Protein backbone atom coordinates (compact mmCIF):
# COMPACT_ATOMS: atom_id res chain seq x y z
CA MET A 1 -2.37 38.48 20.77
CA SER A 2 -1.77 36.07 23.66
CA ASP A 3 -5.41 34.89 23.47
CA VAL A 4 -4.74 33.39 20.04
CA VAL A 5 -1.69 31.50 21.28
CA TRP A 6 -3.57 30.07 24.27
CA SER A 7 -6.49 28.96 22.11
CA ILE A 8 -4.10 27.08 19.82
CA ASN A 9 -2.45 25.45 22.85
CA ILE A 10 -5.85 24.40 24.18
CA MET A 11 -6.89 22.98 20.81
CA CYS A 12 -3.61 21.01 20.52
CA GLY A 13 -4.10 19.69 24.05
CA ILE A 14 -7.65 18.55 23.26
CA LEU A 15 -6.39 16.90 20.07
CA ILE A 16 -3.58 15.05 21.89
CA ILE A 17 -5.97 13.85 24.61
CA GLY A 18 -8.53 12.70 22.03
CA VAL A 19 -5.99 10.82 19.93
CA SER A 20 -4.49 9.22 23.03
CA TYR A 21 -7.91 8.02 24.19
CA CYS A 22 -8.70 6.59 20.72
CA ILE A 23 -5.40 4.68 20.63
CA TYR A 24 -6.00 3.38 24.16
CA TRP A 25 -9.55 2.33 23.21
CA ILE A 26 -8.30 0.45 20.12
CA PHE A 27 -5.57 -1.38 22.05
CA THR A 28 -7.90 -2.43 24.88
CA TYR A 29 -10.83 -3.42 22.64
CA ASP A 30 -9.91 -7.11 22.70
CA ASP A 31 -9.74 -7.10 26.50
CA ARG A 32 -13.22 -5.63 26.72
CA TYR A 33 -14.83 -7.76 23.98
CA PRO A 34 -12.87 -11.04 23.73
CA ASN A 35 -13.70 -13.68 21.15
CA PRO A 36 -14.94 -16.94 22.62
CA ALA A 37 -12.14 -19.49 22.34
CA THR A 38 -12.52 -23.23 22.59
CA VAL A 39 -9.89 -25.54 24.01
CA SER A 40 -9.36 -27.34 20.69
CA GLU A 41 -8.13 -24.16 19.01
CA HIS A 42 -5.18 -23.89 21.37
CA GLU A 43 -4.05 -27.49 21.49
CA PRO A 44 -0.62 -28.17 20.01
CA ASP A 45 -1.87 -31.35 18.30
CA SER A 46 -4.27 -29.44 16.04
CA GLU A 47 -3.79 -29.59 12.27
CA PRO A 48 -1.51 -27.02 10.64
CA LEU A 49 -3.08 -24.11 8.78
CA ILE A 50 -1.09 -24.85 5.60
CA ASP A 51 -1.14 -28.27 4.04
CA GLU A 52 2.50 -28.85 3.05
CA SER A 53 1.66 -31.73 0.70
CA ARG A 54 -0.46 -29.48 -1.53
CA ARG A 55 2.04 -26.65 -1.72
CA SER A 56 3.89 -26.43 -5.01
CA TYR A 57 7.39 -25.07 -5.12
CA PRO A 58 8.82 -23.86 -8.41
CA THR A 59 11.90 -25.98 -8.81
CA ASP A 60 13.68 -24.79 -11.92
CA GLU A 61 11.49 -22.12 -13.43
CA ARG A 62 13.33 -19.16 -14.88
CA VAL A 63 11.94 -15.67 -15.12
CA GLU A 64 13.08 -13.50 -17.97
CA VAL A 65 13.80 -9.92 -16.94
CA ARG A 66 13.86 -7.29 -19.64
CA THR A 67 15.38 -3.89 -19.24
CA GLU A 68 14.49 -1.12 -21.63
CA SER A 69 16.38 2.08 -22.06
CA TYR A 70 14.26 5.18 -22.42
CA ALA A 71 17.18 7.48 -23.12
CA HIS A 72 17.08 8.92 -26.62
């Protein structure tokens, strides 16, 4: 009976070690294979990603909300 318990403990230990290694590998992937970055991408004078002049804001639009009762 104790052989079954130890085999389950060993399998759980292998699973925990495997999952830990996979998480470590995912978190350190960018350190191992970095993307090439140019200086112009990190300058503070670069253009913003969102053009504020083209963004449209709904000023006074109303949304009608309907509630239906399903109780009979």
